Each structure stands twice: as C-alpha cells, then as structure tokens.
C-alpha cells in the first residue's frame, strides 16, 4: 500500500471511531451460515432479534435488530446481504400490523466495513431512519450486497456493485419478505424510500415491479436520486471519487477491464489505498483525487456499458413515485433528475410522479428540507388517500431567504465519552 498522508490517516481513524463493532470480520453476525449458498432470493438466513443498542448512537427508546437474507447481483448470481430493523417505541396504527418503511441508504462507501448496520448512527441518523422510527414506522434497511457481509458461504469475496440500480433494487426487494419472515408482526404494506444511491435503488425497485409485482407496495420515494452513474460534467471534482468506488465493480463485471485503462499511476495508488484501508466515505474524500484519471476515460467501453446497466429512469415503473431534489445539489445535478423524469414521462405519459425541486437545497440536506413533504406522503399512502393522477411539479418557497439558511450540516453524531456530555 502506498504511504499515507496525515489527512488520510486521520480520516481512517475517524472511520474506525464510528463503527459499532471494531470490524465486521470480528462480528459473528456477518458470517454467513453454512449450507445457505443455494438459498432462493428472499430467504431469511439469520436473525439477531435484540441487537445491543449500547454500541450505537440511537435516539432514546428506539430498538434495533439485524438480519441476513439472500439476494441477487445484477447478473442474477445469488448473494447474502445484511440488513437492520429500527423499531419505534410506539408504532402507528393502521389496523394491519406494524407499518413498514423500507429504507435504501445513500453512499456510505464500497467496502465491507461501510455497512450502515455496523455504523453507530446507522449512517443516516436523523436524516431519515431516526425520524421515521420516532414517528411510529418500522424501518427495514438493507446494507446492500458487499457492505457488511464480505464473503458468501463458500468464502467467495462479494463486490459491492456501486450505483448499480438493478443490483440495489434486488437488495431492496428481497429484504422485504425476509424481514416479514423474521418478524411476522410487520404489516404486509410498505413504502420504499431512498436517498442518493438509495434513490437510485428505490427508483430501480419501482421499475422492477413492472415485471415482478409485489403485494403491499404503496409507493416509492426517491430523494436526490442518482439516475445516471456519471451524469455530471467530467470536470466535476466528484467524478474521480465515483470512479474509484465503481472500479471494483467494473473489474468484477467486465473481465477485459483493468483499472490502468482509466486511472493514471496516481489514480491506481489512490484505488489501492482505498481498497487496502477498507475505506468508506471519509477516507475516500481524503485521498489523492486530482489528476488521477486518464484523458478519454469516458470512452472506455466498460464504463459506458456499466452506465447503461446501472441507470434508472426513462422506463415504466409500478405505483406512484414522489421525487425530491435539491436545486443546488453538487453531487446529483437537478438537471439530470429533471431529464430522467421527462424521459420517464415520454416512456409512460400516465406515470404518477410528484416532483419537488427545492431551491437552495444541496444533496444530503434534501432529506431535511423535504422531510415534511415525504412524511406527509407516507402517511397519506398508509391512510389510503388516493394519489394525484399524472405528473405534478412543485417548487416550494422557503420561509426565509437563501442567505439566512444553513446550506450544509456542520455537525455529526458521536458516542459520549463522559456521562455529562449527553445530559
């Protein structure tokens, strides 16, 4: 592994500090049971009914469970996946079991140590899962294949197919029957919600239901959804980081692909560092990312083919969809989401889409700024209120001017080290 800068070392140490357990390799929960390699998708492989919440930074009186189930990769290969269930203190009552929101998380990283179920704040904390549970919903949340469970029952390494709508849609889909099997008290009705990579997963799930319908689906919510893997201009600073995360999936899915086809020698060192450290987002954003791509990387056939496989939008989907997008998102451009919406309406003019474009809202902050909108939408679906037919586009007007608003979060949630810190 190349020598590390102090910044990268500090980033790695920070990631170590927010894990619930020192490593997924040291937590027996993530070990796949023997004789399960041929289990059908949706099969419950194991369950931990009462997870020790003292290892996490949950909101008070919430409870946690973890389970493992069988899913499929983008090419249909069977793969075990871990997930968590976040339980409310008091559940909402709709008369048919505990109401379920299936949560698809945004990018946490692409290595096995980046599983939200092994992050103290479940990665998205009050951005979504805590809020949903505190309001009485049971949150069922997949880690995605390759995050958490790092090898299957035969010991074969599992690659996280980053930003692959088909792969993540499978992980969302098959988590639902597995959770219902583990916990029969759950309602058979559910809403799927996802942000960023999870927005891609949620959208892909809705598209998948056209050919593979599921009972109980009430609707889909896509927040800041990635629709095209590399929809930003090639000059954007985030593009090299995305390719560092996509590279292992390119290697796994395209036998002819080699990282040196798109990365400079410096880029190959950055990829080696990221993989060797089992880095997640903090490490990724603190390793060398300038001048790491070769000119013409966009023309690489494997990159182009992956983008075709992984994309969502421009196709029919099942049910109703709420889309919330920030107007000044530097990661997922508002134009790329608008284009995907328009292409979807061309494919199906009758599509039920409610699209909110939020002025002066960035990427992850859309989960906060759009909170009232999507919570009301979820409640309406469980209450049986009819969905507005056709397409609706809205641009809410903020109460205060842009200059008065906090654009990005400048805080994080950390476990207390002294009793007086959490008083």
Protein backbone atom coordinates (compact mmCIF):
# COMPACT_ATOMS: atom_id res chain seq x y z
CA UNK A 1 0.00 0.00 0.00
CA UNK A 2 1.33 3.49 -0.83
CA UNK A 3 2.47 5.69 2.05
CA UNK A 4 -0.39 7.60 3.67
CA UNK A 5 -0.71 11.31 4.30
CA UNK A 6 -1.62 12.51 7.79
CA UNK A 7 -5.01 13.60 6.43
CA UNK A 8 -5.76 10.09 5.15
CA UNK A 9 -4.59 8.52 8.43
CA UNK A 10 -6.84 10.86 10.42
CA UNK A 11 -9.77 10.08 8.13
CA UNK A 12 -9.22 6.36 8.59
CA UNK A 13 -9.02 6.72 12.37
CA UNK A 14 -12.27 8.69 12.34
CA UNK A 15 -13.98 5.88 10.43
CA UNK A 16 -12.69 3.37 12.97
CA UNK A 17 -14.16 5.51 15.76
CA UNK A 18 -17.72 5.47 14.43
CA UNK A 19 -18.05 1.73 13.89
CA UNK A 20 -20.43 -0.08 16.22
CA UNK A 21 -18.01 -3.02 16.30
CA UNK A 22 -14.28 -2.78 15.54
CA UNK A 23 -14.70 -4.75 12.32
CA UNK A 24 -17.38 -6.76 10.55
CA UNK A 25 -14.77 -9.53 10.40
CA UNK A 26 -14.82 -9.69 14.21
CA UNK A 27 -18.62 -9.70 14.50
CA UNK A 28 -20.05 -13.19 14.04
CA UNK A 29 -23.35 -11.74 12.87
CA UNK A 30 -21.80 -11.06 9.44
CA UNK A 31 -20.65 -14.67 9.00
CA UNK A 32 -22.91 -16.45 6.52
CA UNK A 33 -24.43 -19.73 7.79
CA UNK A 34 -23.14 -22.85 6.08
CA UNK A 35 -25.35 -24.68 3.58
CA UNK A 36 -27.14 -21.46 2.55
CA UNK A 37 -25.29 -20.75 -0.68
CA UNK A 38 -28.15 -22.05 -2.83
CA UNK A 39 -30.98 -20.47 -0.83
CA UNK A 40 -33.55 -18.73 -3.02
CA UNK A 41 -33.71 -14.91 -3.11
CA UNK A 42 -35.73 -13.51 -0.21
CA UNK A 43 -34.80 -16.38 2.11
CA UNK A 44 -34.08 -15.38 5.70
CA UNK A 45 -30.59 -16.67 6.54
CA UNK A 46 -30.24 -15.49 10.14
CA UNK A 47 -31.72 -13.00 12.57
CA UNK A 48 -30.48 -11.13 15.63
CA UNK A 49 -33.71 -10.08 17.29
CA UNK A 50 -32.27 -7.88 20.04
CA UNK A 51 -29.15 -6.02 18.93
CA UNK A 52 -27.15 -4.39 21.73
CA UNK A 53 -28.02 -0.72 21.29
CA UNK A 54 -25.24 0.43 23.62
CA UNK A 55 -22.87 0.03 20.67
CA UNK A 56 -24.90 2.59 18.70
CA UNK A 57 -25.94 6.23 18.99
CA UNK A 58 -29.66 5.76 18.51
CA UNK A 59 -32.37 8.16 19.56
CA UNK A 60 -33.62 7.12 23.03
CA UNK A 61 -36.24 4.35 23.27
CA UNK A 62 -35.68 3.10 19.74
CA UNK A 63 -34.72 -0.58 19.34
CA UNK A 64 -32.58 -2.40 16.81
CA UNK A 65 -32.50 -5.82 15.17
CA UNK A 66 -30.28 -7.21 12.43
CA UNK A 67 -30.91 -9.95 9.91
CA UNK A 68 -29.31 -11.59 6.88
CA UNK A 69 -31.07 -12.71 3.72
CA UNK A 70 -30.41 -13.94 0.20
CA UNK A 71 -30.44 -11.52 -2.71
CA UNK A 72 -29.18 -11.42 -6.31
CA UNK A 73 -26.46 -9.43 -8.05
CA UNK A 74 -27.12 -7.55 -11.28
CA UNK A 75 -26.37 -10.70 -13.30
CA UNK A 76 -28.57 -12.93 -11.14
CA UNK A 77 -25.85 -14.52 -9.00
CA UNK A 78 -27.09 -15.42 -5.51
CA UNK A 79 -25.57 -13.25 -2.78
CA UNK A 80 -26.12 -12.92 1.01
CA UNK A 81 -26.87 -9.45 2.35
CA UNK A 82 -27.14 -7.96 5.84
CA UNK A 83 -29.79 -5.50 6.99
CA UNK A 84 -31.16 -3.84 10.10
CA UNK A 85 -34.61 -3.13 11.51
CA UNK A 86 -35.10 0.06 13.52
CA UNK A 87 -38.11 -0.20 15.81
CA UNK A 88 -40.25 2.66 17.12
CA UNK A 89 -41.22 2.99 20.77
CA UNK A 90 -44.89 3.32 19.79
CA UNK A 91 -46.00 2.26 16.32
CA UNK A 92 -48.60 3.97 14.20
CA UNK A 93 -51.82 2.02 13.93
CA UNK A 94 -53.36 1.28 10.55
CA UNK A 95 -55.06 -1.96 11.54
CA UNK A 96 -52.88 -4.47 9.69
CA UNK A 97 -49.64 -4.84 11.59
CA UNK A 98 -46.73 -2.52 12.24
CA UNK A 99 -46.30 -0.09 9.29
CA UNK A 100 -43.06 -0.57 7.34
CA UNK A 101 -40.86 1.93 5.57
CA UNK A 102 -38.15 0.22 3.56
CA UNK A 103 -35.09 2.48 3.68
CA UNK A 104 -32.37 2.48 0.99
CA UNK A 105 -29.28 4.34 2.15
CA UNK A 106 -27.05 6.76 0.31
CA UNK A 107 -23.37 6.17 -0.39
CA UNK A 108 -21.51 5.06 2.73
CA UNK A 109 -18.57 3.51 0.87
CA UNK A 110 -17.96 0.37 -1.14
CA UNK A 111 -16.00 -1.88 1.23
CA UNK A 112 -17.49 -4.38 3.68
CA UNK A 113 -16.70 -2.14 6.67
CA UNK A 114 -19.08 0.52 5.32
CA UNK A 115 -22.34 -1.23 6.26
CA UNK A 116 -24.82 1.12 7.96
CA UNK A 117 -25.74 -1.75 10.32
CA UNK A 118 -22.20 -1.50 11.73
CA UNK A 119 -22.10 2.30 11.93
CA UNK A 120 -23.04 3.75 15.30
CA UNK A 121 -25.58 6.21 13.84
CA UNK A 122 -26.79 3.81 11.12
CA UNK A 123 -25.18 6.24 8.65
CA UNK A 124 -28.26 8.43 8.13
CA UNK A 125 -29.37 9.01 11.76
CA UNK A 126 -31.84 11.94 11.94
CA UNK A 127 -31.60 12.49 8.20
CA UNK A 128 -34.24 9.77 7.79
CA UNK A 129 -34.27 6.46 9.75
CA UNK A 130 -34.45 8.02 13.23
CA UNK A 131 -37.16 10.42 12.09
CA UNK A 132 -39.20 7.61 10.57
CA UNK A 133 -38.93 5.39 13.65
CA UNK A 134 -39.70 8.24 16.04
CA UNK A 135 -42.87 8.88 14.08
CA UNK A 136 -44.02 5.30 14.51
CA UNK A 137 -42.77 3.42 11.44
CA UNK A 138 -40.67 0.27 11.46
CA UNK A 139 -37.62 0.92 9.30
CA UNK A 140 -36.30 -2.07 7.31
CA UNK A 141 -32.91 -1.15 5.84
CA UNK A 142 -30.63 -3.20 3.64
CA UNK A 143 -26.86 -2.70 3.78
CA UNK A 144 -26.58 -3.72 0.07
CA UNK A 145 -24.53 -6.66 -1.15
CA UNK A 146 -20.84 -6.29 -0.38
CA UNK A 147 -21.38 -3.99 2.60
CA UNK A 148 -21.33 -5.85 5.92
CA UNK A 149 -21.26 -9.39 4.57
CA UNK A 150 -17.93 -9.56 2.78
CA UNK A 151 -17.96 -13.19 1.63
CA UNK A 152 -20.60 -15.80 0.85
CA UNK A 153 -20.94 -19.23 2.48
CA UNK A 154 -18.18 -20.63 0.27
CA UNK A 155 -15.81 -17.82 1.25
CA UNK A 156 -16.06 -16.06 -2.12
CA UNK A 157 -15.46 -12.29 -1.90
CA UNK A 158 -18.55 -10.13 -2.52
CA UNK A 159 -18.12 -6.95 -4.55
CA UNK A 160 -20.45 -4.03 -3.87
CA UNK A 161 -21.88 -3.08 -7.27
CA UNK A 162 -21.81 0.63 -6.55
CA UNK A 163 -24.54 2.75 -8.17
CA UNK A 164 -25.98 -0.22 -10.00
CA UNK A 165 -29.74 0.31 -10.00
CA UNK A 166 -30.51 -3.31 -10.83
CA UNK A 167 -28.30 -4.75 -8.08
CA UNK A 168 -29.52 -2.36 -5.39
CA UNK A 169 -33.14 -2.85 -6.47
CA UNK A 170 -32.70 -6.57 -5.87
CA UNK A 171 -31.28 -5.91 -2.41
CA UNK A 172 -34.28 -3.73 -1.54
CA UNK A 173 -36.80 -6.19 -2.97
CA UNK A 174 -35.56 -9.32 -1.23
CA UNK A 175 -35.10 -7.63 2.15
CA UNK A 176 -38.88 -7.27 2.42
CA UNK A 177 -40.04 -10.92 2.50
CA UNK A 178 -37.03 -11.81 4.68
CA UNK A 179 -37.96 -9.13 7.22
CA UNK A 180 -41.60 -10.24 7.16
CA UNK A 181 -40.49 -13.82 7.78
CA UNK A 182 -38.26 -12.78 10.68
CA UNK A 183 -40.90 -10.52 12.21
CA UNK A 184 -44.50 -11.63 11.47
CA UNK A 185 -45.85 -8.61 13.34
CA UNK A 186 -44.87 -6.38 10.41
CA UNK A 187 -47.56 -5.13 8.06
CA UNK A 188 -47.55 -6.56 4.56
CA UNK A 189 -47.90 -2.98 3.31
CA UNK A 190 -44.83 -0.81 2.82
CA UNK A 191 -43.40 2.34 1.27
CA UNK A 192 -39.88 2.35 -0.17
CA UNK A 193 -37.73 5.44 0.47
CA UNK A 194 -34.14 6.06 -0.60
CA UNK A 195 -31.61 8.86 -0.89
CA UNK A 196 -28.79 9.32 -3.43
CA UNK A 197 -27.56 5.77 -4.15
CA UNK A 198 -30.69 4.75 -2.26
CA UNK A 199 -32.78 7.00 -4.51
CA UNK A 200 -31.40 5.01 -7.44
CA UNK A 201 -32.23 1.78 -5.56
CA UNK A 202 -35.79 2.90 -4.80
CA UNK A 203 -36.42 4.05 -8.37
CA UNK A 204 -34.92 0.83 -9.73
CA UNK A 205 -37.14 -1.17 -7.38
CA UNK A 206 -40.25 0.58 -8.72
CA UNK A 207 -39.15 -0.23 -12.27
CA UNK A 208 -38.52 -3.85 -11.31
CA UNK A 209 -42.08 -4.21 -10.02
CA UNK A 210 -43.44 -3.78 -13.56
CA UNK A 211 -42.25 -7.29 -14.44
CA UNK A 212 -42.04 -8.66 -10.89
CA UNK A 213 -45.02 -7.22 -8.92
CA UNK A 214 -45.18 -7.40 -5.14
CA UNK A 215 -48.26 -7.23 -2.96
CA UNK A 216 -48.34 -4.47 -0.37
CA UNK A 217 -46.32 -1.82 -2.23
CA UNK A 218 -47.89 1.58 -1.51
CA UNK A 219 -45.43 3.82 -3.35
CA UNK A 220 -41.83 4.92 -3.80
CA UNK A 221 -39.89 7.99 -2.68
CA UNK A 222 -36.62 8.97 -4.35
CA UNK A 223 -34.60 11.70 -2.63
CA UNK A 224 -31.67 13.25 -4.54
CA UNK A 225 -31.67 10.15 -6.75
CA UNK A 226 -28.72 9.16 -8.88
CA UNK A 227 -30.21 8.27 -12.25
CA UNK A 228 -27.13 8.09 -14.47
CA UNK A 229 -23.89 6.91 -12.86
CA UNK A 230 -21.77 9.68 -14.34
CA UNK A 231 -24.32 12.35 -15.20
CA UNK A 232 -22.18 15.27 -14.01
CA UNK A 233 -19.70 17.01 -16.33
CA UNK A 234 -16.33 15.23 -16.48
CA UNK A 235 -14.68 18.27 -14.91
CA UNK A 236 -16.64 17.95 -11.64
CA UNK A 237 -14.43 17.09 -8.64
CA UNK A 238 -16.69 14.23 -7.51
CA UNK A 239 -16.25 12.24 -10.76
CA UNK A 240 -12.81 10.78 -9.87
CA UNK A 241 -14.18 9.71 -6.48
CA UNK A 242 -17.16 7.98 -8.07
CA UNK A 243 -14.85 6.09 -10.41
CA UNK A 244 -12.67 4.95 -7.51
CA UNK A 245 -15.78 3.41 -5.98
CA UNK A 246 -17.08 1.96 -9.24
CA UNK A 247 -13.73 0.45 -10.28
CA UNK A 248 -14.01 -2.80 -8.24
CA UNK A 249 -17.42 -3.45 -9.79
CA UNK A 250 -16.03 -2.81 -13.27
CA UNK A 251 -13.30 -5.37 -12.59
CA UNK A 252 -15.86 -7.91 -11.34
CA UNK A 253 -18.39 -7.42 -14.14
CA UNK A 254 -16.13 -6.93 -17.17
CA UNK A 255 -13.25 -9.42 -17.50
CA UNK A 256 -11.48 -7.18 -20.01
CA UNK A 257 -11.42 -4.14 -17.75
CA UNK A 258 -8.26 -3.12 -15.92
CA UNK A 259 -8.02 -0.05 -13.66
CA UNK A 260 -4.98 1.24 -15.53
CA UNK A 261 -7.23 1.75 -18.56
CA UNK A 262 -8.82 4.79 -16.90
CA UNK A 263 -6.52 5.67 -13.97
CA UNK A 264 -3.14 7.37 -14.03
CA UNK A 265 -0.38 5.87 -11.85
CA UNK A 266 -1.50 8.26 -9.10
CA UNK A 267 -5.05 7.07 -9.54
CA UNK A 268 -4.00 3.45 -9.24
CA UNK A 269 -2.26 4.32 -5.96
CA UNK A 270 -5.43 6.02 -4.69
CA UNK A 271 -7.52 2.97 -5.60
CA UNK A 272 -5.03 0.67 -3.89
CA UNK A 273 -5.12 2.83 -0.75
CA UNK A 274 -8.91 2.98 -0.66
CA UNK A 275 -9.28 -0.80 -1.02
CA UNK A 276 -6.41 -1.69 1.34
CA UNK A 277 -7.79 0.53 4.12
CA UNK A 278 -11.31 -0.80 3.52
CA UNK A 279 -12.11 2.86 3.37
CA UNK A 280 -15.54 4.46 3.44
CA UNK A 281 -16.65 7.99 2.56
CA UNK A 282 -14.34 9.89 4.90
CA UNK A 283 -11.25 8.10 3.61
CA UNK A 284 -12.45 8.49 0.03
CA UNK A 285 -12.73 12.26 0.34
CA UNK A 286 -9.28 12.48 1.91
CA UNK A 287 -7.09 10.58 -0.53
CA UNK A 288 -5.47 11.88 -3.69
CA UNK A 289 -8.20 12.56 -6.25
CA UNK A 290 -6.64 15.19 -8.52
CA UNK A 291 -5.11 14.15 -11.82
CA UNK A 292 -5.98 10.50 -11.24
CA UNK A 293 -7.99 9.92 -14.43
CA UNK A 294 -6.56 9.48 -17.89
CA UNK A 295 -7.83 11.64 -20.70
CA UNK A 296 -10.64 9.90 -22.55
CA UNK A 297 -11.72 7.69 -19.65
CA UNK A 298 -15.33 8.43 -20.69
CA UNK A 299 -14.76 6.43 -23.88
CA UNK A 300 -13.86 3.24 -22.04
CA UNK A 301 -16.32 0.58 -23.23
CA UNK A 302 -16.68 -1.00 -19.77
CA UNK A 303 -17.53 2.38 -18.21
CA UNK A 304 -20.10 3.05 -20.93
CA UNK A 305 -21.66 -0.39 -20.63
CA UNK A 306 -21.85 -0.16 -16.84
CA UNK A 307 -23.65 3.16 -17.14
CA UNK A 308 -26.27 1.53 -19.39
CA UNK A 309 -26.80 -1.40 -17.00
CA UNK A 310 -26.88 0.72 -13.86
CA UNK A 311 -29.11 3.61 -14.97
CA UNK A 312 -32.72 4.22 -13.95
CA UNK A 313 -35.33 6.49 -15.48
CA UNK A 314 -36.83 6.55 -18.94
CA UNK A 315 -38.80 3.37 -18.24
CA UNK A 316 -42.20 2.45 -16.84
CA UNK A 317 -42.45 1.91 -13.09
CA UNK A 318 -45.12 0.49 -10.81
CA UNK A 319 -47.28 2.57 -8.48
CA UNK A 320 -46.78 6.21 -7.53
CA UNK A 321 -43.47 7.99 -7.04
CA UNK A 322 -42.50 11.09 -5.06
CA UNK A 323 -39.20 12.66 -6.14
CA UNK A 324 -37.47 15.36 -4.11
CA UNK A 325 -34.38 17.06 -5.50
CA UNK A 326 -32.22 19.95 -4.30
CA UNK A 327 -31.77 22.80 -6.73
CA UNK A 328 -28.08 23.35 -5.90
CA UNK A 329 -27.04 19.72 -5.47
CA UNK A 330 -23.32 19.38 -6.37
CA UNK A 331 -23.42 15.56 -6.46
CA UNK A 332 -26.62 14.82 -8.37
CA UNK A 333 -27.49 17.70 -10.66
CA UNK A 334 -31.07 18.87 -10.65
CA UNK A 335 -30.98 18.81 -14.45
CA UNK A 336 -30.08 15.11 -14.51
CA UNK A 337 -33.09 14.28 -12.33
CA UNK A 338 -35.39 16.53 -14.37
CA UNK A 339 -34.15 14.83 -17.54
CA UNK A 340 -34.84 11.38 -16.03
CA UNK A 341 -38.35 12.49 -15.04
CA UNK A 342 -39.04 13.81 -18.54
CA UNK A 343 -37.70 10.62 -20.16
CA UNK A 344 -39.90 8.55 -17.86
CA UNK A 345 -42.97 10.59 -18.83
CA UNK A 346 -42.10 10.05 -22.50
CA UNK A 347 -41.99 6.30 -21.86
CA UNK A 348 -45.23 6.39 -19.87
CA UNK A 349 -47.27 9.63 -20.10
CA UNK A 350 -49.65 8.31 -17.42
CA UNK A 351 -46.87 7.84 -14.82
CA UNK A 352 -47.85 9.07 -11.36
CA UNK A 353 -44.95 11.36 -10.42
CA UNK A 354 -44.92 14.16 -7.87
CA UNK A 355 -41.66 16.08 -8.37
CA UNK A 356 -40.47 18.68 -5.86
CA UNK A 357 -37.47 20.81 -6.83
CA UNK A 358 -36.23 22.58 -3.69
CA UNK A 359 -34.50 25.95 -4.20
CA UNK A 360 -31.12 26.45 -2.44
CA UNK A 361 -31.01 22.86 -1.20
CA UNK A 362 -27.91 20.69 -1.56
CA UNK A 363 -27.53 16.89 -1.75
CA UNK A 364 -27.96 15.21 1.66
CA UNK A 365 -29.81 18.27 3.05
CA UNK A 366 -32.75 17.37 0.79
CA UNK A 367 -33.54 14.73 3.43
CA UNK A 368 -34.11 17.56 5.91
CA UNK A 369 -35.63 20.19 3.66
CA UNK A 370 -38.01 17.66 2.11
CA UNK A 371 -38.86 15.92 5.39
CA UNK A 372 -42.34 17.41 5.84
CA UNK A 373 -43.20 16.63 2.22
CA UNK A 374 -42.26 12.97 2.26
CA UNK A 375 -43.56 12.22 5.77
CA UNK A 376 -46.98 13.58 4.77
CA UNK A 377 -46.82 11.50 1.58
CA UNK A 378 -46.03 8.30 3.52
CA UNK A 379 -48.87 8.91 5.98
CA UNK A 380 -51.26 9.52 3.09
CA UNK A 381 -50.31 6.20 1.46
CA UNK A 382 -50.88 4.19 4.64
CA UNK A 383 -54.14 6.04 5.27
CA UNK A 384 -55.43 5.02 1.84
CA UNK A 385 -55.64 8.52 0.39
CA UNK A 386 -55.70 8.48 -3.42
CA UNK A 387 -52.59 9.58 -5.31
CA UNK A 388 -52.85 12.56 -7.61
CA UNK A 389 -53.11 11.27 -11.18
CA UNK A 390 -50.45 12.10 -13.74
CA UNK A 391 -47.46 14.40 -13.27
CA UNK A 392 -47.13 17.25 -10.77
CA UNK A 393 -44.10 19.54 -10.46
CA UNK A 394 -43.74 21.82 -7.44
CA UNK A 395 -41.09 24.31 -6.31
CA UNK A 396 -41.80 25.17 -2.66
CA UNK A 397 -40.93 28.65 -1.49
CA UNK A 398 -38.71 28.76 1.63
CA UNK A 399 -39.85 30.77 4.63
CA UNK A 400 -36.53 32.63 4.84
CA UNK A 401 -34.11 33.87 2.15
CA UNK A 402 -31.22 31.72 0.99
CA UNK A 403 -28.62 33.86 2.76
CA UNK A 404 -30.27 33.13 6.11
CA UNK A 405 -30.28 29.34 5.71
CA UNK A 406 -27.72 26.73 6.80
CA UNK A 407 -26.81 25.08 3.50
CA UNK A 408 -24.85 22.03 4.74
CA UNK A 409 -24.60 20.19 8.06
CA UNK A 410 -21.63 21.32 10.16
CA UNK A 411 -22.02 18.68 12.87
CA UNK A 412 -22.02 14.91 13.35
CA UNK A 413 -23.31 12.47 15.95
CA UNK A 414 -20.73 10.87 18.21
CA UNK A 415 -20.87 8.46 21.13
CA UNK A 416 -20.42 10.09 24.53
CA UNK A 417 -17.11 9.54 26.31
CA UNK A 418 -18.18 11.28 29.53
CA UNK A 419 -21.58 10.95 31.29
CA UNK A 420 -22.19 14.68 31.31
CA UNK A 421 -21.88 15.04 27.52
CA UNK A 422 -25.33 13.66 26.72
CA UNK A 423 -27.26 15.39 29.51
